[in-house]
């Protein structure tokens, strides 16, 4: 096992054991069996170290592109949910707070955790608009933030689920206001014709 893998595996274990606030580079180095200098050469502070591990957990974010508006938005919003589920709400607030005071750290936080899944949602909406599925006057930035805020809000406070069914309900609710003809999109996606929440082949998070 190389040093990078050993260190990031250790970071993952320590995050699960004690959360973000208790993580220290000295402790990481000791448990991983490497020198502090080796860790600092790769990640100069714990924020970058944690971001590296969270990026590893997320994997590559690939925007869906099936040609089906409801299907693609379901999957894009699920990407958003998986992004923040992989770190847990207890990591998000303190990590963001630690990164906010430094412009470069804040940029890295946004580039790693926020921008990729958000762009996946936006890409799905843009393709839907270009296909003529959405009205021409739709404010895409507002639509993206409306969908993304559901994930953030529920994961942060934990008062309601963010599962496959809830994501489908949110997408359907939004598209009823944005689509030229929602019934066409619903039929295209293979919904059961009931409340617009069940789609054939929809897998849970």
N, C-alpha and C. Protein backbone atom coordinates (compact mmCIF):
# COMPACT_ATOMS: atom_id res chain seq x y z
N UNK A 1 0.85 -1.20 0.00
CA UNK A 1 0.00 0.00 0.00
C UNK A 1 0.89 1.25 0.00
N UNK A 2 0.60 2.21 -0.91
CA UNK A 2 1.41 3.42 -0.94
C UNK A 2 1.00 4.39 0.16
N UNK A 3 1.80 5.43 0.33
CA UNK A 3 1.56 6.38 1.42
C UNK A 3 0.21 7.07 1.28
N UNK A 4 -0.12 7.51 0.06
CA UNK A 4 -1.39 8.23 -0.14
C UNK A 4 -2.57 7.38 0.31
N UNK A 5 -2.59 6.13 -0.12
CA UNK A 5 -3.70 5.24 0.24
C UNK A 5 -3.73 4.99 1.74
N UNK A 6 -2.58 4.75 2.33
CA UNK A 6 -2.52 4.50 3.77
C UNK A 6 -3.03 5.69 4.56
N UNK A 7 -2.64 6.88 4.15
CA UNK A 7 -3.07 8.09 4.86
C UNK A 7 -4.57 8.31 4.69
N UNK A 8 -5.07 8.21 3.47
CA UNK A 8 -6.49 8.47 3.24
C UNK A 8 -7.37 7.39 3.88
N UNK A 9 -6.91 6.15 3.90
CA UNK A 9 -7.65 5.11 4.61
C UNK A 9 -7.73 5.44 6.10
N UNK A 10 -6.64 5.95 6.63
CA UNK A 10 -6.62 6.32 8.04
C UNK A 10 -7.55 7.51 8.31
N UNK A 11 -7.52 8.49 7.42
CA UNK A 11 -8.43 9.63 7.55
C UNK A 11 -9.87 9.16 7.57
N UNK A 12 -10.21 8.24 6.67
CA UNK A 12 -11.57 7.72 6.62
C UNK A 12 -11.96 7.07 7.94
N UNK A 13 -11.07 6.26 8.49
CA UNK A 13 -11.34 5.58 9.76
C UNK A 13 -11.53 6.59 10.89
N UNK A 14 -10.66 7.59 10.94
CA UNK A 14 -10.74 8.57 12.02
C UNK A 14 -11.97 9.46 11.90
N UNK A 15 -12.37 9.77 10.70
CA UNK A 15 -13.60 10.54 10.52
C UNK A 15 -14.81 9.77 11.02
N UNK A 16 -14.82 8.48 10.74
CA UNK A 16 -15.94 7.65 11.21
C UNK A 16 -15.92 7.51 12.73
N UNK A 17 -14.74 7.46 13.30
CA UNK A 17 -14.62 7.26 14.75
C UNK A 17 -14.91 8.52 15.55
N UNK A 18 -14.33 9.64 15.11
CA UNK A 18 -14.42 10.84 15.94
C UNK A 18 -14.91 12.09 15.24
N UNK A 19 -15.25 11.98 13.96
CA UNK A 19 -15.74 13.16 13.25
C UNK A 19 -14.61 14.08 12.80
N UNK A 20 -14.99 15.15 12.16
CA UNK A 20 -14.02 16.07 11.58
C UNK A 20 -13.28 16.88 12.65
N UNK A 21 -14.00 17.33 13.65
CA UNK A 21 -13.40 18.24 14.63
C UNK A 21 -12.24 17.59 15.38
N UNK A 22 -12.29 16.28 15.58
CA UNK A 22 -11.24 15.62 16.33
C UNK A 22 -10.08 15.12 15.49
N UNK A 23 -10.13 15.38 14.20
CA UNK A 23 -9.07 14.86 13.33
C UNK A 23 -7.85 15.78 13.36
N UNK A 24 -6.68 15.20 13.57
CA UNK A 24 -5.43 15.96 13.58
C UNK A 24 -4.41 15.23 12.72
N UNK A 25 -3.60 15.99 11.99
CA UNK A 25 -2.61 15.38 11.10
C UNK A 25 -1.64 14.51 11.87
N UNK A 26 -1.25 14.93 13.07
CA UNK A 26 -0.33 14.15 13.88
C UNK A 26 -0.90 12.76 14.18
N UNK A 27 -2.19 12.71 14.50
CA UNK A 27 -2.83 11.44 14.78
C UNK A 27 -2.92 10.58 13.52
N UNK A 28 -3.23 11.21 12.41
CA UNK A 28 -3.30 10.50 11.13
C UNK A 28 -1.95 9.85 10.82
N UNK A 29 -0.88 10.64 10.93
CA UNK A 29 0.46 10.13 10.61
C UNK A 29 0.83 8.96 11.51
N UNK A 30 0.53 9.10 12.78
CA UNK A 30 0.91 8.05 13.74
C UNK A 30 0.19 6.74 13.41
N UNK A 31 -1.11 6.82 13.18
CA UNK A 31 -1.86 5.59 12.91
C UNK A 31 -1.50 5.00 11.54
N UNK A 32 -1.24 5.86 10.56
CA UNK A 32 -0.91 5.37 9.22
C UNK A 32 0.51 4.83 9.14
N UNK A 33 1.32 5.11 10.16
CA UNK A 33 2.69 4.62 10.18
C UNK A 33 3.61 5.38 9.26
N UNK A 34 3.33 6.69 9.10
CA UNK A 34 4.18 7.52 8.25
C UNK A 34 4.59 8.76 9.05
N UNK A 35 5.51 9.51 8.53
CA UNK A 35 5.95 10.72 9.23
C UNK A 35 4.98 11.87 8.99
N UNK A 36 4.93 12.80 9.94
CA UNK A 36 4.11 13.99 9.74
C UNK A 36 4.57 14.75 8.50
N UNK A 37 5.88 14.78 8.27
CA UNK A 37 6.40 15.50 7.11
C UNK A 37 5.87 14.92 5.81
N UNK A 38 5.72 13.58 5.76
CA UNK A 38 5.19 12.95 4.54
C UNK A 38 3.76 13.37 4.29
N UNK A 39 2.99 13.50 5.36
CA UNK A 39 1.60 13.94 5.21
C UNK A 39 1.55 15.40 4.79
N UNK A 40 2.31 16.24 5.47
CA UNK A 40 2.28 17.68 5.18
C UNK A 40 2.78 18.00 3.77
N UNK A 41 3.70 17.18 3.25
CA UNK A 41 4.17 17.41 1.88
C UNK A 41 3.03 17.24 0.88
N UNK A 42 2.12 16.33 1.18
CA UNK A 42 1.01 16.06 0.27
C UNK A 42 -0.19 16.94 0.55
N UNK A 43 -0.49 17.16 1.81
CA UNK A 43 -1.66 17.94 2.22
C UNK A 43 -1.21 18.90 3.33
N UNK A 44 -1.03 20.16 3.01
CA UNK A 44 -0.46 21.10 3.98
C UNK A 44 -1.32 21.38 5.21
N UNK A 45 -2.60 21.02 5.17
CA UNK A 45 -3.46 21.23 6.33
C UNK A 45 -4.55 20.16 6.34
N UNK A 46 -5.28 20.09 7.45
CA UNK A 46 -6.26 19.02 7.58
C UNK A 46 -7.47 19.23 6.67
N UNK A 47 -7.75 20.49 6.32
CA UNK A 47 -8.87 20.72 5.41
C UNK A 47 -8.63 20.05 4.06
N UNK A 48 -7.43 20.24 3.50
CA UNK A 48 -7.11 19.62 2.21
C UNK A 48 -7.05 18.10 2.34
N UNK A 49 -6.61 17.62 3.48
CA UNK A 49 -6.54 16.18 3.71
C UNK A 49 -7.95 15.58 3.70
N UNK A 50 -8.87 16.23 4.40
CA UNK A 50 -10.25 15.73 4.45
C UNK A 50 -10.92 15.86 3.09
N UNK A 51 -10.68 16.96 2.40
CA UNK A 51 -11.26 17.13 1.06
C UNK A 51 -10.77 16.03 0.12
N UNK A 52 -9.50 15.66 0.24
CA UNK A 52 -8.96 14.59 -0.60
C UNK A 52 -9.68 13.27 -0.34
N UNK A 53 -9.95 12.97 0.93
CA UNK A 53 -10.66 11.74 1.26
C UNK A 53 -12.12 11.79 0.78
N UNK A 54 -12.77 12.93 0.94
CA UNK A 54 -14.16 13.04 0.49
C UNK A 54 -14.26 12.95 -1.03
N UNK A 55 -13.28 13.52 -1.72
CA UNK A 55 -13.26 13.41 -3.18
C UNK A 55 -13.09 11.95 -3.59
N UNK A 56 -12.27 11.23 -2.86
CA UNK A 56 -12.07 9.81 -3.14
C UNK A 56 -13.38 9.04 -2.92
N UNK A 57 -14.09 9.36 -1.86
CA UNK A 57 -15.37 8.69 -1.59
C UNK A 57 -16.39 8.96 -2.69
N UNK A 58 -16.42 10.19 -3.16
CA UNK A 58 -17.42 10.57 -4.16
C UNK A 58 -17.18 9.89 -5.50
N UNK A 59 -15.91 9.76 -5.88
CA UNK A 59 -15.60 9.27 -7.21
C UNK A 59 -15.90 10.34 -8.25
N UNK A 60 -15.86 9.96 -9.48
CA UNK A 60 -16.09 10.90 -10.57
C UNK A 60 -17.59 11.13 -10.76
N UNK A 61 -17.99 12.39 -10.80
CA UNK A 61 -19.39 12.74 -11.00
C UNK A 61 -19.67 12.85 -12.49
N UNK A 62 -20.46 11.94 -13.01
CA UNK A 62 -20.80 11.93 -14.43
C UNK A 62 -22.24 12.39 -14.61
N UNK A 63 -22.46 13.54 -15.26
CA UNK A 63 -23.84 13.99 -15.48
C UNK A 63 -24.61 12.98 -16.32
N UNK A 64 -25.82 12.61 -15.91
CA UNK A 64 -26.61 11.66 -16.68
C UNK A 64 -27.09 12.28 -17.99
N UNK A 65 -27.24 11.48 -19.01
CA UNK A 65 -27.68 11.99 -20.31
C UNK A 65 -28.40 10.88 -21.07
N UNK A 66 -29.61 10.55 -20.59
CA UNK A 66 -30.38 9.48 -21.22
C UNK A 66 -31.36 10.00 -22.26
N UNK A 67 -31.55 11.34 -22.29
CA UNK A 67 -32.56 11.91 -23.18
C UNK A 67 -33.93 11.98 -22.56
N UNK A 68 -34.06 11.49 -21.34
CA UNK A 68 -35.33 11.51 -20.61
C UNK A 68 -35.21 12.55 -19.48
N UNK A 69 -36.00 13.59 -19.55
CA UNK A 69 -35.86 14.70 -18.61
C UNK A 69 -36.08 14.28 -17.16
N UNK A 70 -37.17 13.60 -16.89
CA UNK A 70 -37.43 13.17 -15.52
C UNK A 70 -36.37 12.20 -15.02
N UNK A 71 -35.98 11.26 -15.89
CA UNK A 71 -34.97 10.27 -15.49
C UNK A 71 -33.64 10.96 -15.17
N UNK A 72 -33.21 11.88 -16.05
CA UNK A 72 -31.92 12.54 -15.86
C UNK A 72 -31.92 13.41 -14.61
N UNK A 73 -33.01 14.12 -14.36
CA UNK A 73 -33.06 14.96 -13.17
C UNK A 73 -33.14 14.11 -11.90
N UNK A 74 -33.84 13.00 -11.95
CA UNK A 74 -33.82 12.07 -10.81
C UNK A 74 -32.39 11.66 -10.49
N UNK A 75 -31.66 11.24 -11.52
CA UNK A 75 -30.29 10.75 -11.31
C UNK A 75 -29.36 11.88 -10.89
N UNK A 76 -29.51 13.06 -11.50
CA UNK A 76 -28.65 14.19 -11.16
C UNK A 76 -28.86 14.61 -9.70
N UNK A 77 -30.10 14.64 -9.26
CA UNK A 77 -30.36 15.02 -7.87
C UNK A 77 -29.89 13.92 -6.92
N UNK A 78 -29.96 12.68 -7.36
CA UNK A 78 -29.43 11.58 -6.55
C UNK A 78 -27.92 11.72 -6.39
N UNK A 79 -27.23 12.20 -7.44
CA UNK A 79 -25.80 12.48 -7.33
C UNK A 79 -25.54 13.49 -6.23
N UNK A 80 -26.35 14.53 -6.19
CA UNK A 80 -26.21 15.54 -5.15
C UNK A 80 -26.37 14.91 -3.77
N UNK A 81 -27.40 14.08 -3.62
CA UNK A 81 -27.64 13.44 -2.33
C UNK A 81 -26.49 12.52 -1.95
N UNK A 82 -25.98 11.74 -2.90
CA UNK A 82 -24.89 10.83 -2.59
C UNK A 82 -23.62 11.59 -2.22
N UNK A 83 -23.41 12.74 -2.85
CA UNK A 83 -22.24 13.55 -2.53
C UNK A 83 -22.21 13.92 -1.06
N UNK A 84 -23.33 14.39 -0.54
CA UNK A 84 -23.34 14.86 0.84
C UNK A 84 -23.60 13.74 1.83
N UNK A 85 -24.20 12.64 1.37
CA UNK A 85 -24.34 11.48 2.24
C UNK A 85 -22.98 10.85 2.51
N UNK A 86 -22.08 10.93 1.54
CA UNK A 86 -20.77 10.29 1.70
C UNK A 86 -19.96 10.96 2.80
N UNK A 87 -20.30 12.18 3.18
CA UNK A 87 -19.54 12.85 4.21
C UNK A 87 -20.34 13.04 5.49
N UNK A 88 -21.65 13.08 5.37
CA UNK A 88 -22.48 13.26 6.55
C UNK A 88 -22.60 14.72 6.93
N UNK A 89 -23.76 15.14 7.43
CA UNK A 89 -23.96 16.54 7.78
C UNK A 89 -23.04 17.03 8.90
N UNK A 90 -22.58 16.10 9.73
CA UNK A 90 -21.71 16.52 10.84
C UNK A 90 -20.33 16.97 10.34
N UNK A 91 -19.97 16.62 9.09
CA UNK A 91 -18.71 17.08 8.51
C UNK A 91 -18.88 18.41 7.79
N UNK A 92 -20.04 18.61 7.18
CA UNK A 92 -20.22 19.71 6.24
C UNK A 92 -20.02 21.08 6.88
N UNK A 93 -20.74 21.34 7.95
CA UNK A 93 -20.69 22.69 8.55
C UNK A 93 -19.31 23.06 9.08
N UNK A 94 -18.67 22.21 9.90
CA UNK A 94 -17.34 22.61 10.40
C UNK A 94 -16.28 22.67 9.31
N UNK A 95 -16.37 21.79 8.31
CA UNK A 95 -15.39 21.84 7.22
C UNK A 95 -15.57 23.10 6.40
N UNK A 96 -16.81 23.44 6.10
CA UNK A 96 -17.07 24.68 5.35
C UNK A 96 -16.60 25.89 6.14
N UNK A 97 -16.85 25.90 7.45
CA UNK A 97 -16.42 27.02 8.29
C UNK A 97 -14.91 27.16 8.27
N UNK A 98 -14.19 26.04 8.33
CA UNK A 98 -12.72 26.09 8.33
C UNK A 98 -12.17 26.54 6.98
N UNK A 99 -12.91 26.28 5.91
CA UNK A 99 -12.44 26.65 4.57
C UNK A 99 -12.83 28.07 4.17
N UNK A 100 -13.82 28.61 4.83
CA UNK A 100 -14.38 29.89 4.38
C UNK A 100 -13.45 31.07 4.58
N UNK A 101 -12.55 30.99 5.55
CA UNK A 101 -11.66 32.11 5.81
C UNK A 101 -10.48 32.22 4.87
N UNK A 102 -10.33 31.27 3.98
CA UNK A 102 -9.20 31.25 3.04
C UNK A 102 -9.75 31.06 1.64
N UNK A 103 -9.46 31.99 0.74
CA UNK A 103 -10.05 31.97 -0.59
C UNK A 103 -9.72 30.69 -1.36
N UNK A 104 -8.47 30.23 -1.25
CA UNK A 104 -8.06 29.04 -1.97
C UNK A 104 -8.73 27.79 -1.39
N UNK A 105 -8.80 27.70 -0.06
CA UNK A 105 -9.47 26.56 0.55
C UNK A 105 -10.96 26.55 0.21
N UNK A 106 -11.56 27.73 0.20
CA UNK A 106 -12.99 27.81 -0.15
C UNK A 106 -13.21 27.36 -1.59
N UNK A 107 -12.32 27.76 -2.47
CA UNK A 107 -12.43 27.34 -3.87
C UNK A 107 -12.31 25.82 -3.98
N UNK A 108 -11.36 25.23 -3.24
CA UNK A 108 -11.18 23.79 -3.29
C UNK A 108 -12.42 23.07 -2.74
N UNK A 109 -12.99 23.61 -1.67
CA UNK A 109 -14.22 23.04 -1.11
C UNK A 109 -15.32 23.04 -2.16
N UNK A 110 -15.52 24.17 -2.82
CA UNK A 110 -16.58 24.29 -3.81
C UNK A 110 -16.31 23.37 -5.00
N UNK A 111 -15.07 23.35 -5.48
CA UNK A 111 -14.72 22.53 -6.64
C UNK A 111 -14.86 21.04 -6.35
N UNK A 112 -14.62 20.66 -5.11
CA UNK A 112 -14.66 19.24 -4.74
C UNK A 112 -16.06 18.76 -4.43
N UNK A 113 -16.80 19.51 -3.62
CA UNK A 113 -18.05 19.00 -3.07
C UNK A 113 -19.30 19.64 -3.63
N UNK A 114 -19.22 20.87 -4.08
CA UNK A 114 -20.43 21.60 -4.44
C UNK A 114 -20.65 21.67 -5.94
N UNK A 115 -19.63 22.07 -6.67
CA UNK A 115 -19.81 22.35 -8.09
C UNK A 115 -20.13 21.12 -8.94
N UNK A 116 -19.43 19.98 -8.79
CA UNK A 116 -19.71 18.85 -9.69
C UNK A 116 -21.16 18.36 -9.66
N UNK A 117 -21.75 18.07 -8.49
CA UNK A 117 -23.14 17.62 -8.52
C UNK A 117 -24.11 18.73 -8.93
N UNK A 118 -23.79 19.97 -8.58
CA UNK A 118 -24.66 21.07 -8.98
C UNK A 118 -24.67 21.22 -10.50
N UNK A 119 -23.49 21.09 -11.13
CA UNK A 119 -23.42 21.19 -12.58
C UNK A 119 -24.15 20.03 -13.25
N UNK A 120 -24.17 18.86 -12.60
CA UNK A 120 -24.91 17.73 -13.16
C UNK A 120 -26.41 18.06 -13.24
N UNK A 121 -26.94 18.69 -12.19
CA UNK A 121 -28.34 19.10 -12.20
C UNK A 121 -28.57 20.16 -13.28
N UNK A 122 -27.68 21.14 -13.35
CA UNK A 122 -27.84 22.19 -14.35
C UNK A 122 -27.76 21.63 -15.77
N UNK A 123 -26.81 20.71 -16.01
CA UNK A 123 -26.69 20.12 -17.35
C UNK A 123 -27.99 19.42 -17.75
N UNK A 124 -28.58 18.69 -16.81
CA UNK A 124 -29.83 17.99 -17.11
C UNK A 124 -30.94 18.97 -17.46
N UNK A 125 -31.01 20.09 -16.72
CA UNK A 125 -32.02 21.11 -17.01
C UNK A 125 -31.76 21.80 -18.35
N UNK A 126 -30.49 22.09 -18.64
CA UNK A 126 -30.17 22.74 -19.91
C UNK A 126 -30.54 21.86 -21.10
N UNK A 127 -30.23 20.56 -21.00
CA UNK A 127 -30.59 19.66 -22.09
C UNK A 127 -32.10 19.55 -22.24
N UNK A 128 -32.80 19.56 -21.12
CA UNK A 128 -34.27 19.51 -21.17
C UNK A 128 -34.82 20.76 -21.86
N UNK A 129 -34.24 21.91 -21.54
CA UNK A 129 -34.67 23.15 -22.18
C UNK A 129 -34.36 23.11 -23.68
N UNK A 130 -33.16 22.64 -24.03
CA UNK A 130 -32.78 22.60 -25.44
C UNK A 130 -33.64 21.63 -26.24
N UNK A 131 -34.15 20.57 -25.59
CA UNK A 131 -35.05 19.64 -26.28
C UNK A 131 -36.46 20.21 -26.42
N UNK A 132 -36.71 21.33 -25.75
CA UNK A 132 -38.04 21.91 -25.79
C UNK A 132 -38.96 21.38 -24.71
N UNK A 133 -38.40 20.65 -23.72
CA UNK A 133 -39.23 20.11 -22.65
C UNK A 133 -39.61 21.16 -21.62
N UNK A 134 -38.79 22.22 -21.49
CA UNK A 134 -39.06 23.27 -20.52
C UNK A 134 -39.48 24.55 -21.22
N UNK A 135 -40.17 25.41 -20.49
CA UNK A 135 -40.53 26.70 -21.04
C UNK A 135 -39.27 27.53 -21.29
N UNK A 136 -39.33 28.42 -22.27
CA UNK A 136 -38.16 29.23 -22.62
C UNK A 136 -37.78 30.22 -21.52
N UNK A 137 -38.74 30.61 -20.70
CA UNK A 137 -38.47 31.65 -19.69
C UNK A 137 -38.00 31.07 -18.36
N UNK A 138 -37.68 29.79 -18.31
CA UNK A 138 -37.25 29.16 -17.05
C UNK A 138 -35.92 29.74 -16.59
N UNK A 139 -35.85 30.12 -15.32
CA UNK A 139 -34.60 30.57 -14.70
C UNK A 139 -33.86 29.32 -14.20
N UNK A 140 -32.85 28.90 -14.97
CA UNK A 140 -32.17 27.65 -14.65
C UNK A 140 -31.42 27.72 -13.32
N UNK A 141 -30.80 28.86 -13.04
CA UNK A 141 -30.06 28.98 -11.78
C UNK A 141 -30.99 28.81 -10.59
N UNK A 142 -32.16 29.42 -10.65
CA UNK A 142 -33.14 29.29 -9.58
C UNK A 142 -33.65 27.85 -9.49
N UNK A 143 -33.86 27.22 -10.62
CA UNK A 143 -34.35 25.83 -10.63
C UNK A 143 -33.32 24.90 -10.01
N UNK A 144 -32.03 25.09 -10.36
CA UNK A 144 -30.97 24.27 -9.78
C UNK A 144 -30.92 24.45 -8.28
N UNK A 145 -30.95 25.69 -7.82
CA UNK A 145 -30.86 25.95 -6.39
C UNK A 145 -32.08 25.42 -5.64
N UNK A 146 -33.24 25.45 -6.28
CA UNK A 146 -34.44 24.92 -5.64
C UNK A 146 -34.31 23.43 -5.39
N UNK A 147 -33.81 22.70 -6.38
CA UNK A 147 -33.63 21.26 -6.21
C UNK A 147 -32.51 20.94 -5.23
N UNK A 148 -31.38 21.64 -5.39
CA UNK A 148 -30.22 21.35 -4.52
C UNK A 148 -30.51 21.70 -3.07
N UNK A 149 -31.28 22.74 -2.85
CA UNK A 149 -31.56 23.16 -1.48
C UNK A 149 -32.35 22.11 -0.72
N UNK A 150 -33.19 21.34 -1.42
CA UNK A 150 -33.92 20.26 -0.75
C UNK A 150 -32.94 19.26 -0.14
N UNK A 151 -31.93 18.88 -0.91
CA UNK A 151 -30.95 17.91 -0.43
C UNK A 151 -30.18 18.48 0.76
N UNK A 152 -29.66 19.71 0.61
CA UNK A 152 -28.90 20.33 1.69
C UNK A 152 -29.73 20.44 2.97
N UNK A 153 -30.93 20.94 2.83
CA UNK A 153 -31.79 21.20 3.98
C UNK A 153 -32.11 19.92 4.73
N UNK A 154 -32.49 18.90 4.00
CA UNK A 154 -32.89 17.65 4.66
C UNK A 154 -31.70 16.90 5.25
N UNK A 155 -30.58 16.91 4.54
CA UNK A 155 -29.42 16.22 5.09
C UNK A 155 -28.84 16.96 6.29
N UNK A 156 -28.92 18.30 6.25
CA UNK A 156 -28.36 19.08 7.35
C UNK A 156 -29.16 18.90 8.63
N UNK A 157 -30.51 18.94 8.51
CA UNK A 157 -31.35 18.89 9.70
C UNK A 157 -31.89 17.50 10.01
N UNK A 158 -31.91 16.62 9.01
CA UNK A 158 -32.29 15.23 9.24
C UNK A 158 -33.73 15.01 9.61
N UNK A 159 -34.61 15.95 9.25
CA UNK A 159 -36.02 15.84 9.67
C UNK A 159 -36.87 15.04 8.69
N UNK A 160 -36.33 14.77 7.50
CA UNK A 160 -37.10 14.07 6.47
C UNK A 160 -36.11 13.32 5.57
N UNK A 161 -36.57 12.26 4.93
CA UNK A 161 -35.65 11.44 4.12
C UNK A 161 -35.24 12.12 2.82
N UNK A 162 -34.10 11.68 2.30
CA UNK A 162 -33.68 12.06 0.95
C UNK A 162 -33.38 10.75 0.22
N UNK A 163 -34.46 10.04 -0.11
CA UNK A 163 -34.29 8.77 -0.79
C UNK A 163 -34.82 8.88 -2.22
N UNK A 164 -34.82 7.76 -2.92
CA UNK A 164 -35.22 7.78 -4.32
C UNK A 164 -36.63 8.29 -4.53
N UNK A 165 -37.55 7.88 -3.67
CA UNK A 165 -38.94 8.31 -3.82
C UNK A 165 -39.08 9.81 -3.58
N UNK A 166 -38.42 10.33 -2.56
CA UNK A 166 -38.52 11.75 -2.26
C UNK A 166 -37.89 12.59 -3.37
N UNK A 167 -36.79 12.12 -3.93
CA UNK A 167 -36.15 12.85 -5.03
C UNK A 167 -37.08 12.88 -6.23
N UNK A 168 -37.71 11.76 -6.55
CA UNK A 168 -38.65 11.73 -7.67
C UNK A 168 -39.82 12.68 -7.44
N UNK A 169 -40.31 12.73 -6.20
CA UNK A 169 -41.40 13.66 -5.88
C UNK A 169 -40.96 15.11 -6.06
N UNK A 170 -39.75 15.42 -5.63
CA UNK A 170 -39.26 16.79 -5.76
C UNK A 170 -39.09 17.18 -7.22
N UNK A 171 -38.51 16.29 -8.01
CA UNK A 171 -38.32 16.56 -9.43
C UNK A 171 -39.67 16.76 -10.12
N UNK A 172 -40.62 15.87 -9.82
CA UNK A 172 -41.94 15.97 -10.45
C UNK A 172 -42.64 17.27 -10.06
N UNK A 173 -42.53 17.64 -8.79
CA UNK A 173 -43.17 18.88 -8.33
C UNK A 173 -42.60 20.09 -9.04
N UNK A 174 -41.28 20.15 -9.16
CA UNK A 174 -40.66 21.28 -9.84
C UNK A 174 -41.04 21.31 -11.32
N UNK A 175 -40.97 20.16 -11.97
CA UNK A 175 -41.21 20.14 -13.41
C UNK A 175 -42.67 20.45 -13.77
N UNK A 176 -43.58 20.21 -12.86
CA UNK A 176 -44.97 20.59 -13.14
C UNK A 176 -45.09 22.09 -13.38
N UNK A 177 -44.18 22.86 -12.77
CA UNK A 177 -44.21 24.30 -12.97
C UNK A 177 -43.32 24.79 -14.10
N UNK A 178 -42.36 23.95 -14.55
CA UNK A 178 -41.39 24.39 -15.55
C UNK A 178 -41.63 23.81 -16.93
N UNK A 179 -42.28 22.66 -16.99
CA UNK A 179 -42.40 21.94 -18.26
C UNK A 179 -43.44 22.56 -19.18
N UNK A 180 -43.22 22.42 -20.48
CA UNK A 180 -44.25 22.81 -21.45
C UNK A 180 -45.47 21.89 -21.31
N UNK A 181 -45.21 20.60 -21.16
CA UNK A 181 -46.29 19.62 -21.00
C UNK A 181 -45.77 18.50 -20.11
N UNK A 182 -46.09 18.59 -18.83
CA UNK A 182 -45.55 17.63 -17.88
C UNK A 182 -46.03 16.22 -18.15
N UNK A 183 -47.27 16.06 -18.63
CA UNK A 183 -47.79 14.72 -18.88
C UNK A 183 -46.98 13.97 -19.92
N UNK A 184 -46.41 14.71 -20.89
CA UNK A 184 -45.55 14.08 -21.90
C UNK A 184 -44.27 13.56 -21.24
N UNK A 185 -43.66 14.38 -20.39
CA UNK A 185 -42.43 13.96 -19.70
C UNK A 185 -42.70 12.77 -18.79
N UNK A 186 -43.85 12.78 -18.14
CA UNK A 186 -44.21 11.71 -17.22
C UNK A 186 -44.36 10.39 -17.98
N UNK A 187 -45.02 10.45 -19.13
CA UNK A 187 -45.19 9.23 -19.93
C UNK A 187 -43.86 8.74 -20.48
N UNK A 188 -43.01 9.68 -20.89
CA UNK A 188 -41.69 9.33 -21.43
C UNK A 188 -40.84 8.61 -20.40
N UNK A 189 -40.98 9.02 -19.14
CA UNK A 189 -40.16 8.44 -18.08
C UNK A 189 -40.71 7.11 -17.58
N UNK A 190 -41.92 6.75 -17.99
CA UNK A 190 -42.48 5.49 -17.55
C UNK A 190 -43.10 5.53 -16.18
N UNK A 191 -43.58 6.72 -15.76
CA UNK A 191 -44.27 6.81 -14.48
C UNK A 191 -45.55 6.01 -14.54
N UNK A 192 -46.04 5.66 -13.35
CA UNK A 192 -47.22 4.79 -13.29
C UNK A 192 -48.52 5.55 -13.49
N UNK A 193 -48.41 6.89 -13.67
CA UNK A 193 -49.62 7.65 -13.92
C UNK A 193 -50.36 8.05 -12.67
N UNK A 194 -49.82 7.73 -11.52
CA UNK A 194 -50.47 8.10 -10.27
C UNK A 194 -50.06 9.48 -9.84
N UNK A 195 -49.22 9.55 -8.81
CA UNK A 195 -48.81 10.85 -8.30
C UNK A 195 -47.50 11.32 -8.88
N UNK A 196 -46.95 10.61 -9.87
CA UNK A 196 -45.72 11.06 -10.51
C UNK A 196 -44.47 10.72 -9.73
N UNK A 197 -44.55 9.78 -8.80
CA UNK A 197 -43.37 9.49 -8.00
C UNK A 197 -42.71 8.16 -8.31
N UNK A 198 -43.37 7.31 -9.08
CA UNK A 198 -42.80 5.98 -9.35
C UNK A 198 -42.38 5.88 -10.80
N UNK A 199 -41.18 5.49 -11.02
CA UNK A 199 -40.66 5.33 -12.38
C UNK A 199 -40.08 3.94 -12.53
N UNK A 200 -40.38 3.34 -13.64
CA UNK A 200 -39.86 1.99 -13.88
C UNK A 200 -38.35 2.03 -13.89
N UNK A 201 -37.75 1.12 -13.12
CA UNK A 201 -36.29 1.03 -13.12
C UNK A 201 -35.62 1.97 -12.16
N UNK A 202 -36.40 2.76 -11.41
CA UNK A 202 -35.81 3.72 -10.47
C UNK A 202 -35.20 2.98 -9.30
N UNK A 203 -33.93 3.15 -9.06
CA UNK A 203 -33.28 2.45 -7.95
C UNK A 203 -33.11 3.40 -6.79
N UNK A 204 -33.24 2.92 -5.55
CA UNK A 204 -33.07 3.78 -4.39
C UNK A 204 -31.62 4.16 -4.22
N UNK A 205 -31.38 5.18 -3.37
CA UNK A 205 -30.02 5.58 -3.04
C UNK A 205 -29.33 4.47 -2.28
